[in-house]
Structures are given as C-alpha cells and as structure tokens.
Amino acid sequence: MGEHVLDVYLDEDHAARELRADVRAGLTADPRWTPPKWFYDARGSELFEEITRLPEYYPTRTESAILAERAGAVARLTEAKTLIELGSGSSEKTRLLLDALVGHGTLGAFVPLDVSASALRAAVTALTGAYPGLSVRGVVGDMTEHLRHLPDGDNRLIAFLGGTIGNLIPAERTVFLSSLRSVLHEGEWLLLGADLVKDPAVLVPAYDDAAGVTAAFNRNVLYVINRELGADFDPLAFQHVARWNPDHEWIEMRLRSIRDQRVGIPALDLDLAFAAGEELRTEISAKFRRDGLTGELDAAGFAVRQWWTDPRGWFSVTLAQAR
C-alpha cells in the first residue's frame, strides 16, 4: 500500500484574513472587483461541477478528450517519476495522467496541491486506495504562495489544467510562470491546459448558460461575503453578466446592480453604495493564441515540446520543459 501524507501550509485563519483583505481592496476600488477564488465554498464547488457538465461549457470535456488521446505520449516523453497537480486532486483528468504514467512504469509519487484541506484529504484517501503502489502526498497551500513547499524530486511533472491560467491577468501570469520555473530543475516538465480564442458565439454561452447555473455560481461570492463577513448583500439584486472583451481577449464575469442600493459589511466597517447599473467584476478568463502562450512560456524559461489541441482548435494542452 502506498503511503499518504498531508502537508499543511495554511493556518486555519489564512482564508479569513485573505477574504477580508481581498473584499476590502476590491469593493473599495473603482471599478469594483473580487477575486474568483471566493466562488469556491462547498456550494460554489458543487455549482462549478454542474457547470462542467452543461452543454454550453466545452472546456472540461474538450480538455479531457485531448488528455485521453495524449496521456500516453505525456508518459513516454516525460517518463515522470513524480506528478504534481495544482488544483483538484481527484478529477477524471488526473486519473488519465496517473493511469498513463503508472502504466508506463516510471511514476512513484503523486503530489496534489489545493487550498482546501477537506477536499485534498478526500482526494488523497481515494487515490491512495485506487493506486496502491503510489506514494500520495497532499500539500494544503495556495499555488501563488506555497510552490516552494512542493517536494523536491527527480524528473517531476507539474500539471496545471482546466484553463485556470486564464484567471490571471498578464502581469500575474508572468510572476506565476516564473515561480513555477523556479521550483523546477532544468529538464523537468509542465503540462498546461489553456482555452483558446474563438468565436464569441461559442465563448459567451459557456459563461452564461441557458439554465442559469453560471449565474448562480457568480452570485455565490455574495453569499460567501454575507456568511463570512456579516454583509447584507441581496444577491438577487445583482444580475449576472458575461461579456467578451476583444481588446484583452478574455471573458469578463460581472455582477450588475439592478437598482440603487446600499450594502453593509460590518466585519470590515464598510457601508457601500451601488448605483443602478454599476458592475462588480468577479472573474476574467483569458483565452490564448499559440504564439502568445508559447512566448509567455519561453519568457519564463520553458521550451514548448508539444502543443496539442482538439479537432476544432478550441482548447490546448501544452507540454513544456524547463530549460
């Protein structure tokens, strides 16, 4: 039976401190914003899982199809001994990679990193049972702060999937990709999933589905702020908005106040006025072109070894090597 361990680098109050700081900074800014990570409490995570199964939401199934086809090539090219995943540690996509790497005979360890100790504990337990020969070591941490705590090793492969790279603005991506490179040795690997620029008629419905699931997911950040900070947002007084920004080539998710209203946040001693029509930006989801993404990876110290897409060219999975 493989061993399983959980390394915790976030104290119990970390999320509370971060939420207070982010909400204060974002809701007192002009224009207002909140970071997308606060969607994901238990309810938000359930809603996102529902989103991934919607007919309009192509990224998850498209990326999974690419990985199903290419996981064997990833295993052969990298011969990775340790797989590190930033984000979910129990998804179907993870298992595609684990199956291929275990089948290839090189993989000895799996290291999922996530901010949620409970989700990670469940994933580590499940994966230890499913892959009894594998050493599974969960790292509870923030990928923007705790990469340096990832276990050192020999021939590691970091997987960062789901198109989550698009939630970072360009300056943040520069810092993040450089920090990824800094924890890898020359010759080690990065597998990156990124959504591609395409017709807004395909893009926008993926973030504004007919059933309203994404709208509920978007408003969930207000429920989180209400519960954690004692705020009195009326989430239904905010309309879900998803729009394509052609200048930045990203989707913006926003919440638009449907009337003049005031919102109190007692924990931060804030009293905020929202005008009718005023918008709060809750997420960006950047879409990429091959040259642009290759350039960003190159600038961070990665050489692209493989670029894979689906037949429609909607999503990409890039295998890059630290140089």
C-alpha atoms as a PDB file:
ATOM      1  CA  MET A   1       0.000   0.000   0.000  1.00  0.00           C
ATOM      2  CA  GLY A   2       1.391   3.414  -0.943  1.00  0.00           C
ATOM      3  CA  GLU A   3       1.848   5.945   1.840  1.00  0.00           C
ATOM      4  CA  HIS A   4      -0.316   9.048   2.040  1.00  0.00           C
ATOM      5  CA  VAL A   5       0.559  12.270   3.833  1.00  0.00           C
ATOM      6  CA  LEU A   6      -0.947  15.750   4.106  1.00  0.00           C
ATOM      7  CA  ASP A   7       1.402  18.727   4.483  1.00  0.00           C
ATOM      8  CA  VAL A   8      -0.467  21.835   5.653  1.00  0.00           C
ATOM      9  CA  TYR A   9       0.983  25.286   4.974  1.00  0.00           C
ATOM     10  CA  LEU A  10      -2.205  27.297   5.532  1.00  0.00           C
ATOM     11  CA  ASP A  11      -3.271  28.023   9.102  1.00  0.00           C
ATOM     12  CA  GLU A  12      -6.959  27.950   9.977  1.00  0.00           C
ATOM     13  CA  ASP A  13      -7.237  31.735   9.854  1.00  0.00           C
ATOM     14  CA  HIS A  14      -5.473  32.166   6.490  1.00  0.00           C
ATOM     15  CA  ALA A  15      -8.650  32.097   4.386  1.00  0.00           C
ATOM     16  CA  ALA A  16     -10.427  34.508   6.733  1.00  0.00           C
ATOM     17  CA  ARG A  17      -7.543  37.001   6.577  1.00  0.00           C
ATOM     18  CA  GLU A  18      -7.303  36.702   2.795  1.00  0.00           C
ATOM     19  CA  LEU A  19     -11.046  37.147   2.316  1.00  0.00           C
ATOM     20  CA  ARG A  20     -11.102  40.279   4.482  1.00  0.00           C
ATOM     21  CA  ALA A  21      -8.134  41.763   2.639  1.00  0.00           C
ATOM     22  CA  ASP A  22      -9.493  40.911  -0.815  1.00  0.00           C
ATOM     23  CA  VAL A  23     -13.006  42.179  -0.133  1.00  0.00           C
ATOM     24  CA  ARG A  24     -11.729  45.425   1.373  1.00  0.00           C
ATOM     25  CA  ALA A  25      -9.345  46.031  -1.539  1.00  0.00           C
ATOM     26  CA  GLY A  26     -11.783  45.016  -4.266  1.00  0.00           C
ATOM     27  CA  LEU A  27     -15.011  46.614  -3.048  1.00  0.00           C
ATOM     28  CA  THR A  28     -13.355  49.951  -2.240  1.00  0.00           C
ATOM     29  CA  ALA A  29     -11.674  50.071  -5.680  1.00  0.00           C
ATOM     30  CA  ASP A  30     -13.034  51.887  -8.713  1.00  0.00           C
ATOM     31  CA  PRO A  31     -14.210  49.912 -10.610  1.00  0.00           C
ATOM     32  CA  ARG A  32     -15.006  47.238  -8.064  1.00  0.00           C
ATOM     33  CA  TRP A  33     -13.835  43.639  -8.254  1.00  0.00           C
ATOM     34  CA  THR A  34     -13.500  40.416  -6.267  1.00  0.00           C
ATOM     35  CA  PRO A  35     -11.070  37.529  -6.968  1.00  0.00           C
ATOM     36  CA  PRO A  36     -12.614  34.369  -8.432  1.00  0.00           C
ATOM     37  CA  LYS A  37     -11.227  32.086  -5.727  1.00  0.00           C
ATOM     38  CA  TRP A  38     -14.038  33.170  -3.379  1.00  0.00           C
ATOM     39  CA  PHE A  39     -16.685  31.451  -5.536  1.00  0.00           C
ATOM     40  CA  TYR A  40     -15.497  28.098  -4.258  1.00  0.00           C
ATOM     41  CA  ASP A  41     -17.029  27.294  -0.923  1.00  0.00           C
ATOM     42  CA  ALA A  42     -18.814  23.920  -0.740  1.00  0.00           C
ATOM     43  CA  ARG A  43     -21.859  25.268  -2.609  1.00  0.00           C
ATOM     44  CA  GLY A  44     -19.729  27.049  -5.202  1.00  0.00           C
ATOM     45  CA  SER A  45     -17.718  23.912  -5.851  1.00  0.00           C
ATOM     46  CA  GLU A  46     -20.946  21.947  -6.389  1.00  0.00           C
ATOM     47  CA  LEU A  47     -22.184  24.588  -8.818  1.00  0.00           C
ATOM     48  CA  PHE A  48     -18.914  24.536 -10.741  1.00  0.00           C
ATOM     49  CA  GLU A  49     -19.099  20.751 -11.071  1.00  0.00           C
ATOM     50  CA  GLU A  50     -22.593  21.265 -12.503  1.00  0.00           C
ATOM     51  CA  ILE A  51     -21.226  23.891 -14.920  1.00  0.00           C
ATOM     52  CA  THR A  52     -18.635  21.448 -16.262  1.00  0.00           C
ATOM     53  CA  ARG A  53     -21.474  19.149 -17.367  1.00  0.00           C
ATOM     54  CA  LEU A  54     -23.551  21.843 -19.129  1.00  0.00           C
ATOM     55  CA  PRO A  55     -23.951  21.588 -22.914  1.00  0.00           C
ATOM     56  CA  GLU A  56     -22.589  25.127 -23.363  1.00  0.00           C
ATOM     57  CA  TYR A  57     -19.473  24.561 -21.254  1.00  0.00           C
ATOM     58  CA  TYR A  58     -16.968  22.967 -23.631  1.00  0.00           C
ATOM     59  CA  PRO A  59     -13.601  23.430 -21.778  1.00  0.00           C
ATOM     60  CA  THR A  60     -13.738  20.472 -19.372  1.00  0.00           C
ATOM     61  CA  ARG A  61     -14.843  17.804 -21.827  1.00  0.00           C
ATOM     62  CA  THR A  62     -12.604  19.181 -24.589  1.00  0.00           C
ATOM     63  CA  GLU A  63      -9.510  19.139 -22.398  1.00  0.00           C
ATOM     64  CA  SER A  64     -10.420  15.668 -21.119  1.00  0.00           C
ATOM     65  CA  ALA A  65     -10.676  14.387 -24.695  1.00  0.00           C
ATOM     66  CA  ILE A  66      -7.220  15.788 -25.520  1.00  0.00           C
ATOM     67  CA  LEU A  67      -5.734  14.168 -22.422  1.00  0.00           C
ATOM     68  CA  ALA A  68      -7.427  10.846 -23.136  1.00  0.00           C
ATOM     69  CA  GLU A  69      -5.714  10.869 -26.515  1.00  0.00           C
ATOM     70  CA  ARG A  70      -2.343  12.250 -25.394  1.00  0.00           C
ATOM     71  CA  ALA A  71      -1.734  10.976 -21.855  1.00  0.00           C
ATOM     72  CA  GLY A  72       0.295   8.064 -23.200  1.00  0.00           C
ATOM     73  CA  ALA A  73       2.525  10.465 -25.116  1.00  0.00           C
ATOM     74  CA  VAL A  74       2.973  12.576 -21.974  1.00  0.00           C
ATOM     75  CA  ALA A  75       4.130   9.469 -20.112  1.00  0.00           C
ATOM     76  CA  ARG A  76       6.534   8.402 -22.866  1.00  0.00           C
ATOM     77  CA  LEU A  77       8.016  11.860 -23.407  1.00  0.00           C
ATOM     78  CA  THR A  78       8.448  12.832 -19.759  1.00  0.00           C
ATOM     79  CA  GLU A  79       8.989   9.478 -18.049  1.00  0.00           C
ATOM     80  CA  ALA A  80       7.965  11.452 -14.973  1.00  0.00           C
ATOM     81  CA  LYS A  81       8.672   9.944 -11.559  1.00  0.00           C
ATOM     82  CA  THR A  82       6.521  12.458  -9.662  1.00  0.00           C
ATOM     83  CA  LEU A  83       3.270  14.060 -10.847  1.00  0.00           C
ATOM     84  CA  ILE A  84       2.364  17.333  -9.126  1.00  0.00           C
ATOM     85  CA  GLU A  85      -1.100  18.740  -9.772  1.00  0.00           C
ATOM     86  CA  LEU A  86      -2.105  22.307  -8.951  1.00  0.00           C
ATOM     87  CA  GLY A  87      -5.821  22.242  -8.165  1.00  0.00           C
ATOM     88  CA  SER A  88      -8.182  19.283  -7.982  1.00  0.00           C
ATOM     89  CA  GLY A  89      -6.515  16.038  -6.994  1.00  0.00           C
ATOM     90  CA  SER A  90      -9.304  13.600  -7.792  1.00  0.00           C
ATOM     91  CA  SER A  91     -10.678  14.548 -11.187  1.00  0.00           C
ATOM     92  CA  GLU A  92     -11.094  12.329 -14.218  1.00  0.00           C
ATOM     93  CA  LYS A  93      -8.284  14.251 -15.923  1.00  0.00           C
ATOM     94  CA  THR A  94      -5.882  13.458 -13.066  1.00  0.00           C
ATOM     95  CA  ARG A  95      -6.665   9.779 -13.369  1.00  0.00           C
ATOM     96  CA  LEU A  96      -5.998   9.820 -17.115  1.00  0.00           C
ATOM     97  CA  LEU A  97      -2.480  11.064 -16.373  1.00  0.00           C
ATOM     98  CA  LEU A  98      -1.972   8.753 -13.412  1.00  0.00           C
ATOM     99  CA  ASP A  99      -3.101   5.707 -15.404  1.00  0.00           C
ATOM    100  CA  ALA A 100      -0.738   6.557 -18.256  1.00  0.00           C
ATOM    101  CA  LEU A 101       2.261   7.286 -16.029  1.00  0.00           C
ATOM    102  CA  VAL A 102       1.707   4.276 -13.771  1.00  0.00           C
ATOM    103  CA  GLY A 103       1.199   2.126 -16.862  1.00  0.00           C
ATOM    104  CA  HIS A 104       4.461   3.421 -18.312  1.00  0.00           C
ATOM    105  CA  GLY A 105       6.219   2.234 -15.173  1.00  0.00           C
ATOM    106  CA  THR A 106       8.029   5.408 -14.128  1.00  0.00           C
ATOM    107  CA  LEU A 107       5.661   7.102 -11.663  1.00  0.00           C
ATOM    108  CA  GLY A 108       6.319   6.653  -7.962  1.00  0.00           C
ATOM    109  CA  ALA A 109       4.641   9.672  -6.373  1.00  0.00           C
ATOM    110  CA  PHE A 110       1.643  11.977  -6.789  1.00  0.00           C
ATOM    111  CA  VAL A 111       1.516  15.394  -5.112  1.00  0.00           C
ATOM    112  CA  PRO A 112      -1.781  17.326  -5.357  1.00  0.00           C
ATOM    113  CA  LEU A 113      -1.769  20.940  -4.104  1.00  0.00           C
ATOM    114  CA  ASP A 114      -5.015  22.649  -3.113  1.00  0.00           C
ATOM    115  CA  VAL A 115      -6.238  25.305  -0.695  1.00  0.00           C
ATOM    116  CA  SER A 116      -8.984  23.044   0.671  1.00  0.00           C
ATOM    117  CA  ALA A 117      -7.742  20.616   3.311  1.00  0.00           C
ATOM    118  CA  SER A 118     -11.028  18.681   3.347  1.00  0.00           C
ATOM    119  CA  ALA A 119     -11.147  18.252  -0.437  1.00  0.00           C
ATOM    120  CA  LEU A 120      -7.497  17.275  -0.511  1.00  0.00           C
ATOM    121  CA  ARG A 121      -7.848  14.783   2.324  1.00  0.00           C
ATOM    122  CA  ALA A 122     -10.713  13.057   0.490  1.00  0.00           C
ATOM    123  CA  ALA A 123      -8.749  13.022  -2.778  1.00  0.00           C
ATOM    124  CA  VAL A 124      -5.606  11.674  -1.152  1.00  0.00           C
ATOM    125  CA  THR A 125      -7.554   8.880   0.547  1.00  0.00           C
ATOM    126  CA  ALA A 126      -9.369   7.928  -2.673  1.00  0.00           C
ATOM    127  CA  LEU A 127      -6.248   7.998  -4.821  1.00  0.00           C
ATOM    128  CA  THR A 128      -4.197   6.016  -2.312  1.00  0.00           C
ATOM    129  CA  GLY A 129      -6.848   3.319  -2.488  1.00  0.00           C
ATOM    130  CA  ALA A 130      -7.031   3.421  -6.292  1.00  0.00           C
ATOM    131  CA  TYR A 131      -3.242   3.405  -6.816  1.00  0.00           C
ATOM    132  CA  PRO A 132      -1.863   1.206  -4.026  1.00  0.00           C
ATOM    133  CA  GLY A 133       1.721   1.327  -5.275  1.00  0.00           C
ATOM    134  CA  LEU A 134       1.835   5.110  -5.346  1.00  0.00           C
ATOM    135  CA  SER A 135       3.126   7.477  -2.682  1.00  0.00           C
ATOM    136  CA  VAL A 136       0.487  10.242  -2.399  1.00  0.00           C
ATOM    137  CA  ARG A 137       1.471  13.448  -0.582  1.00  0.00           C
ATOM    138  CA  GLY A 138      -1.106  16.248  -0.441  1.00  0.00           C
ATOM    139  CA  VAL A 139       0.032  19.825   0.033  1.00  0.00           C
ATOM    140  CA  VAL A 140      -2.522  22.222   1.529  1.00  0.00           C
ATOM    141  CA  GLY A 141      -1.422  25.583   0.190  1.00  0.00           C
ATOM    142  CA  ASP A 142      -2.004  28.445  -2.203  1.00  0.00           C
ATOM    143  CA  MET A 143      -0.366  27.980  -5.601  1.00  0.00           C
ATOM    144  CA  THR A 144       0.583  31.664  -5.691  1.00  0.00           C
ATOM    145  CA  GLU A 145       2.381  31.451  -2.324  1.00  0.00           C
ATOM    146  CA  HIS A 146       3.454  27.912  -1.485  1.00  0.00           C
ATOM    147  CA  LEU A 147       5.064  26.401  -4.576  1.00  0.00           C
ATOM    148  CA  ARG A 148       8.396  26.417  -2.746  1.00  0.00           C
ATOM    149  CA  HIS A 149       6.960  23.808  -0.363  1.00  0.00           C
ATOM    150  CA  LEU A 150       6.411  21.258  -3.133  1.00  0.00           C
ATOM    151  CA  PRO A 151       8.604  18.207  -2.532  1.00  0.00           C
ATOM    152  CA  ASP A 152      11.875  18.221  -4.402  1.00  0.00           C
ATOM    153  CA  GLY A 153      12.459  15.265  -6.619  1.00  0.00           C
ATOM    154  CA  ASP A 154      13.858  13.727  -9.725  1.00  0.00           C
ATOM    155  CA  ASN A 155      12.051  14.296 -13.034  1.00  0.00           C
ATOM    156  CA  ARG A 156       8.856  15.935 -11.824  1.00  0.00           C
ATOM    157  CA  LEU A 157       5.878  16.891 -13.995  1.00  0.00           C
ATOM    158  CA  ILE A 158       3.645  19.754 -12.829  1.00  0.00           C
ATOM    159  CA  ALA A 159       0.111  19.655 -14.279  1.00  0.00           C
ATOM    160  CA  PHE A 160      -1.918  22.871 -14.272  1.00  0.00           C
ATOM    161  CA  LEU A 161      -5.121  22.068 -16.100  1.00  0.00           C
ATOM    162  CA  GLY A 162      -8.634  23.373 -16.654  1.00  0.00           C
ATOM    163  CA  GLY A 163      -7.680  26.673 -18.264  1.00  0.00           C
ATOM    164  CA  THR A 164      -7.221  28.183 -14.788  1.00  0.00           C
ATOM    165  CA  ILE A 165      -4.137  30.028 -16.073  1.00  0.00           C
ATOM    166  CA  GLY A 166      -6.653  32.341 -17.775  1.00  0.00           C
ATOM    167  CA  ASN A 167      -7.914  33.645 -14.416  1.00  0.00           C
ATOM    168  CA  LEU A 168      -4.631  35.535 -14.008  1.00  0.00           C
ATOM    169  CA  ILE A 169      -4.059  38.877 -15.692  1.00  0.00           C
ATOM    170  CA  PRO A 170      -0.879  39.037 -17.828  1.00  0.00           C
ATOM    171  CA  ALA A 171       1.306  40.529 -15.085  1.00  0.00           C
ATOM    172  CA  GLU A 172       0.153  37.827 -12.647  1.00  0.00           C
ATOM    173  CA  ARG A 173       0.815  35.116 -15.250  1.00  0.00           C
ATOM    174  CA  THR A 174       4.369  36.386 -15.683  1.00  0.00           C
ATOM    175  CA  VAL A 175       5.028  36.091 -11.949  1.00  0.00           C
ATOM    176  CA  PHE A 176       3.267  32.735 -11.666  1.00  0.00           C
ATOM    177  CA  LEU A 177       5.009  31.054 -14.614  1.00  0.00           C
ATOM    178  CA  SER A 178       8.372  32.352 -13.393  1.00  0.00           C
ATOM    179  CA  SER A 179       7.689  30.985  -9.918  1.00  0.00           C
ATOM    180  CA  LEU A 180       6.768  27.615 -11.440  1.00  0.00           C
ATOM    181  CA  ARG A 181      10.041  27.597 -13.343  1.00  0.00           C
ATOM    182  CA  SER A 182      11.968  28.493 -10.188  1.00  0.00           C
ATOM    183  CA  VAL A 183      10.824  25.351  -8.348  1.00  0.00           C
ATOM    184  CA  LEU A 184      11.704  23.024 -11.236  1.00  0.00           C
ATOM    185  CA  HIS A 185      15.126  21.718 -12.166  1.00  0.00           C
ATOM    186  CA  GLU A 186      16.334  22.012 -15.726  1.00  0.00           C
ATOM    187  CA  GLY A 187      14.731  19.260 -17.786  1.00  0.00           C
ATOM    188  CA  GLU A 188      11.636  18.890 -15.585  1.00  0.00           C
ATOM    189  CA  TRP A 189       8.161  19.369 -17.042  1.00  0.00           C
ATOM    190  CA  LEU A 190       4.990  21.483 -17.106  1.00  0.00           C
ATOM    191  CA  LEU A 191       1.684  20.328 -18.601  1.00  0.00           C
ATOM    192  CA  LEU A 192      -0.567  23.348 -19.115  1.00  0.00           C
ATOM    193  CA  GLY A 193      -4.216  23.419 -20.157  1.00  0.00           C
ATOM    194  CA  ALA A 194      -5.320  26.706 -21.781  1.00  0.00           C
ATOM    195  CA  ASP A 195      -8.502  27.779 -23.534  1.00  0.00           C
ATOM    196  CA  LEU A 196      -8.092  29.310 -26.982  1.00  0.00           C
ATOM    197  CA  VAL A 197      -9.515  32.397 -28.696  1.00  0.00           C
ATOM    198  CA  LYS A 198     -12.609  31.504 -30.694  1.00  0.00           C
ATOM    199  CA  ASP A 199     -15.958  32.851 -31.877  1.00  0.00           C
ATOM    200  CA  PRO A 200     -17.684  34.800 -29.055  1.00  0.00           C
ATOM    201  CA  ALA A 201     -20.872  32.954 -30.045  1.00  0.00           C
ATOM    202  CA  VAL A 202     -19.221  29.842 -28.575  1.00  0.00           C
ATOM    203  CA  LEU A 203     -17.330  31.569 -25.757  1.00  0.00           C
ATOM    204  CA  VAL A 204     -20.031  33.700 -24.163  1.00  0.00           C
ATOM    205  CA  PRO A 205     -22.682  30.958 -23.664  1.00  0.00           C
ATOM    206  CA  ALA A 206     -20.067  28.876 -21.823  1.00  0.00           C
ATOM    207  CA  TYR A 207     -20.179  31.597 -19.137  1.00  0.00           C
ATOM    208  CA  ASP A 208     -23.884  32.468 -19.475  1.00  0.00           C
ATOM    209  CA  ASP A 209     -25.748  29.187 -19.818  1.00  0.00           C
ATOM    210  CA  ALA A 210     -29.457  28.923 -20.539  1.00  0.00           C
ATOM    211  CA  ALA A 211     -30.189  27.099 -17.269  1.00  0.00           C
ATOM    212  CA  GLY A 212     -28.691  29.892 -15.143  1.00  0.00           C
ATOM    213  CA  VAL A 213     -26.173  27.706 -13.329  1.00  0.00           C
ATOM    214  CA  THR A 214     -23.286  30.097 -14.036  1.00  0.00           C
ATOM    215  CA  ALA A 215     -25.430  32.999 -12.813  1.00  0.00           C
ATOM    216  CA  ALA A 216     -25.947  31.175  -9.502  1.00  0.00           C
ATOM    217  CA  PHE A 217     -22.221  30.405  -9.341  1.00  0.00           C
ATOM    218  CA  ASN A 218     -21.377  34.066  -9.953  1.00  0.00           C
ATOM    219  CA  ARG A 219     -23.766  35.299  -7.236  1.00  0.00           C
ATOM    220  CA  ASN A 220     -22.357  32.739  -4.815  1.00  0.00           C
ATOM    221  CA  VAL A 221     -19.483  35.094  -3.998  1.00  0.00           C
ATOM    222  CA  LEU A 222     -22.046  37.446  -2.431  1.00  0.00           C
ATOM    223  CA  TYR A 223     -23.430  34.637  -0.265  1.00  0.00           C
ATOM    224  CA  VAL A 224     -19.857  33.852   0.844  1.00  0.00           C
ATOM    225  CA  ILE A 225     -19.243  37.507   1.804  1.00  0.00           C
ATOM    226  CA  ASN A 226     -22.586  37.627   3.637  1.00  0.00           C
ATOM    227  CA  ARG A 227     -21.846  34.479   5.633  1.00  0.00           C
ATOM    228  CA  GLU A 228     -18.191  35.130   6.430  1.00  0.00           C
ATOM    229  CA  LEU A 229     -18.219  38.906   6.939  1.00  0.00           C
ATOM    230  CA  GLY A 230     -21.780  39.549   8.093  1.00  0.00           C
ATOM    231  CA  ALA A 231     -22.633  41.542   4.953  1.00  0.00           C
ATOM    232  CA  ASP A 232     -26.188  42.165   3.829  1.00  0.00           C
ATOM    233  CA  PHE A 233     -25.917  41.767   0.055  1.00  0.00           C
ATOM    234  CA  ASP A 234     -29.161  40.801  -1.656  1.00  0.00           C
ATOM    235  CA  PRO A 235     -27.640  38.505  -4.292  1.00  0.00           C
ATOM    236  CA  LEU A 236     -30.813  38.556  -6.371  1.00  0.00           C
ATOM    237  CA  ALA A 237     -30.459  42.334  -6.682  1.00  0.00           C
ATOM    238  CA  PHE A 238     -27.433  41.679  -8.912  1.00  0.00           C
ATOM    239  CA  GLN A 239     -27.685  40.464 -12.489  1.00  0.00           C
ATOM    240  CA  HIS A 240     -25.161  38.009 -13.913  1.00  0.00           C
ATOM    241  CA  VAL A 241     -23.218  39.451 -16.856  1.00  0.00           C
ATOM    242  CA  ALA A 242     -20.713  37.643 -19.100  1.00  0.00           C
ATOM    243  CA  ARG A 243     -19.083  39.529 -21.931  1.00  0.00           C
ATOM    244  CA  TRP A 244     -16.215  39.080 -24.355  1.00  0.00           C
ATOM    245  CA  ASN A 245     -13.538  41.770 -24.172  1.00  0.00           C
ATOM    246  CA  PRO A 246     -11.917  41.730 -27.631  1.00  0.00           C
ATOM    247  CA  ASP A 247      -9.120  44.117 -26.634  1.00  0.00           C
ATOM    248  CA  HIS A 248      -7.821  41.834 -23.886  1.00  0.00           C
ATOM    249  CA  GLU A 249      -9.170  38.620 -25.436  1.00  0.00           C
ATOM    250  CA  TRP A 250     -10.805  37.482 -22.234  1.00  0.00           C
ATOM    251  CA  ILE A 251     -14.269  36.762 -20.883  1.00  0.00           C
ATOM    252  CA  GLU A 252     -15.332  39.035 -18.027  1.00  0.00           C
ATOM    253  CA  MET A 253     -17.883  37.871 -15.488  1.00  0.00           C
ATOM    254  CA  ARG A 254     -19.596  40.663 -13.633  1.00  0.00           C
ATOM    255  CA  LEU A 255     -22.463  41.284 -11.244  1.00  0.00           C
ATOM    256  CA  ARG A 256     -24.591  44.300 -12.204  1.00  0.00           C
ATOM    257  CA  SER A 257     -26.640  46.100  -9.577  1.00  0.00           C
ATOM    258  CA  ILE A 258     -30.251  46.192 -10.794  1.00  0.00           C
ATOM    259  CA  ARG A 259     -31.131  49.188  -8.587  1.00  0.00           C
ATOM    260  CA  ASP A 260     -29.593  51.831  -6.362  1.00  0.00           C
ATOM    261  CA  GLN A 261     -28.743  50.059  -3.120  1.00  0.00           C
ATOM    262  CA  ARG A 262     -26.541  50.159  -0.052  1.00  0.00           C
ATOM    263  CA  VAL A 263     -24.630  47.221   1.361  1.00  0.00           C
ATOM    264  CA  GLY A 264     -23.122  46.997   4.823  1.00  0.00           C
ATOM    265  CA  ILE A 265     -20.133  44.783   5.650  1.00  0.00           C
ATOM    266  CA  PRO A 266     -19.877  45.018   9.462  1.00  0.00           C
ATOM    267  CA  ALA A 267     -16.721  42.907   9.782  1.00  0.00           C
ATOM    268  CA  LEU A 268     -14.880  45.492   7.662  1.00  0.00           C
ATOM    269  CA  ASP A 269     -16.803  48.512   8.961  1.00  0.00           C
ATOM    270  CA  LEU A 270     -17.843  49.298   5.384  1.00  0.00           C
ATOM    271  CA  ASP A 271     -21.038  50.861   4.092  1.00  0.00           C
ATOM    272  CA  LEU A 272     -21.102  50.758   0.290  1.00  0.00           C
ATOM    273  CA  ALA A 273     -23.384  52.411  -2.238  1.00  0.00           C
ATOM    274  CA  PHE A 274     -24.085  50.611  -5.524  1.00  0.00           C
ATOM    275  CA  ALA A 275     -25.740  52.632  -8.273  1.00  0.00           C
ATOM    276  CA  ALA A 276     -28.247  51.010 -10.609  1.00  0.00           C
ATOM    277  CA  GLY A 277     -26.231  49.538 -13.477  1.00  0.00           C
ATOM    278  CA  GLU A 278     -22.929  49.552 -11.564  1.00  0.00           C
ATOM    279  CA  GLU A 279     -20.881  46.429 -12.133  1.00  0.00           C
ATOM    280  CA  LEU A 280     -18.606  44.376  -9.900  1.00  0.00           C
ATOM    281  CA  ARG A 281     -16.071  42.251 -11.807  1.00  0.00           C
ATOM    282  CA  THR A 282     -15.789  38.773 -10.332  1.00  0.00           C
ATOM    283  CA  GLU A 283     -13.635  36.901 -12.853  1.00  0.00           C
ATOM    284  CA  ILE A 284     -11.637  37.176 -16.014  1.00  0.00           C
ATOM    285  CA  SER A 285     -10.982  34.123 -18.148  1.00  0.00           C
ATOM    286  CA  ALA A 286      -8.290  34.882 -20.682  1.00  0.00           C
ATOM    287  CA  LYS A 287      -8.208  32.972 -23.958  1.00  0.00           C
ATOM    288  CA  PHE A 288      -4.934  32.313 -25.731  1.00  0.00           C
ATOM    289  CA  ARG A 289      -3.302  32.092 -29.120  1.00  0.00           C
ATOM    290  CA  ARG A 290      -0.482  29.642 -29.725  1.00  0.00           C
ATOM    291  CA  ASP A 291       2.201  32.263 -30.371  1.00  0.00           C
ATOM    292  CA  GLY A 292       1.231  34.279 -27.319  1.00  0.00           C
ATOM    293  CA  LEU A 293       1.221  31.343 -24.934  1.00  0.00           C
ATOM    294  CA  THR A 294       4.465  29.943 -26.336  1.00  0.00           C
ATOM    295  CA  GLY A 295       6.017  33.382 -25.888  1.00  0.00           C
ATOM    296  CA  GLU A 296       4.905  33.632 -22.267  1.00  0.00           C
ATOM    297  CA  LEU A 297       6.306  30.180 -21.514  1.00  0.00           C
ATOM    298  CA  ASP A 298       9.565  30.992 -23.287  1.00  0.00           C
ATOM    299  CA  ALA A 299       9.959  34.219 -21.304  1.00  0.00           C
ATOM    300  CA  ALA A 300       9.509  32.243 -18.058  1.00  0.00           C
ATOM    301  CA  GLY A 301      12.208  29.727 -19.017  1.00  0.00           C
ATOM    302  CA  PHE A 302      10.180  26.912 -20.582  1.00  0.00           C
ATOM    303  CA  ALA A 303      10.685  25.328 -24.002  1.00  0.00           C
ATOM    304  CA  VAL A 304       7.493  24.042 -25.616  1.00  0.00           C
ATOM    305  CA  ARG A 305       7.931  20.398 -26.620  1.00  0.00           C
ATOM    306  CA  GLN A 306       4.360  19.533 -27.668  1.00  0.00           C
ATOM    307  CA  TRP A 307       1.243  21.544 -28.481  1.00  0.00           C
ATOM    308  CA  TRP A 308      -1.970  19.545 -28.635  1.00  0.00           C
ATOM    309  CA  THR A 309      -5.490  20.709 -29.457  1.00  0.00           C
ATOM    310  CA  ASP A 310      -8.858  19.169 -30.240  1.00  0.00           C
ATOM    311  CA  PRO A 311     -10.020  18.900 -33.890  1.00  0.00           C
ATOM    312  CA  ARG A 312     -11.859  22.249 -33.673  1.00  0.00           C
ATOM    313  CA  GLY A 313      -8.889  24.059 -32.145  1.00  0.00           C
ATOM    314  CA  TRP A 314     -10.924  25.175 -29.140  1.00  0.00           C
ATOM    315  CA  PHE A 315      -8.580  24.161 -26.301  1.00  0.00           C
ATOM    316  CA  SER A 316      -4.869  23.455 -25.915  1.00  0.00           C
ATOM    317  CA  VAL A 317      -2.691  21.218 -23.790  1.00  0.00           C
ATOM    318  CA  THR A 318       0.975  22.235 -23.885  1.00  0.00           C
ATOM    319  CA  LEU A 319       3.899  20.122 -22.714  1.00  0.00           C
ATOM    320  CA  ALA A 320       6.840  22.344 -21.863  1.00  0.00           C
ATOM    321  CA  GLN A 321      10.265  21.629 -20.397  1.00  0.00           C
ATOM    322  CA  ALA A 322      12.273  23.768 -18.007  1.00  0.00           C
ATOM    323  CA  ARG A 323      15.455  24.961 -19.690  1.00  0.00           C
END
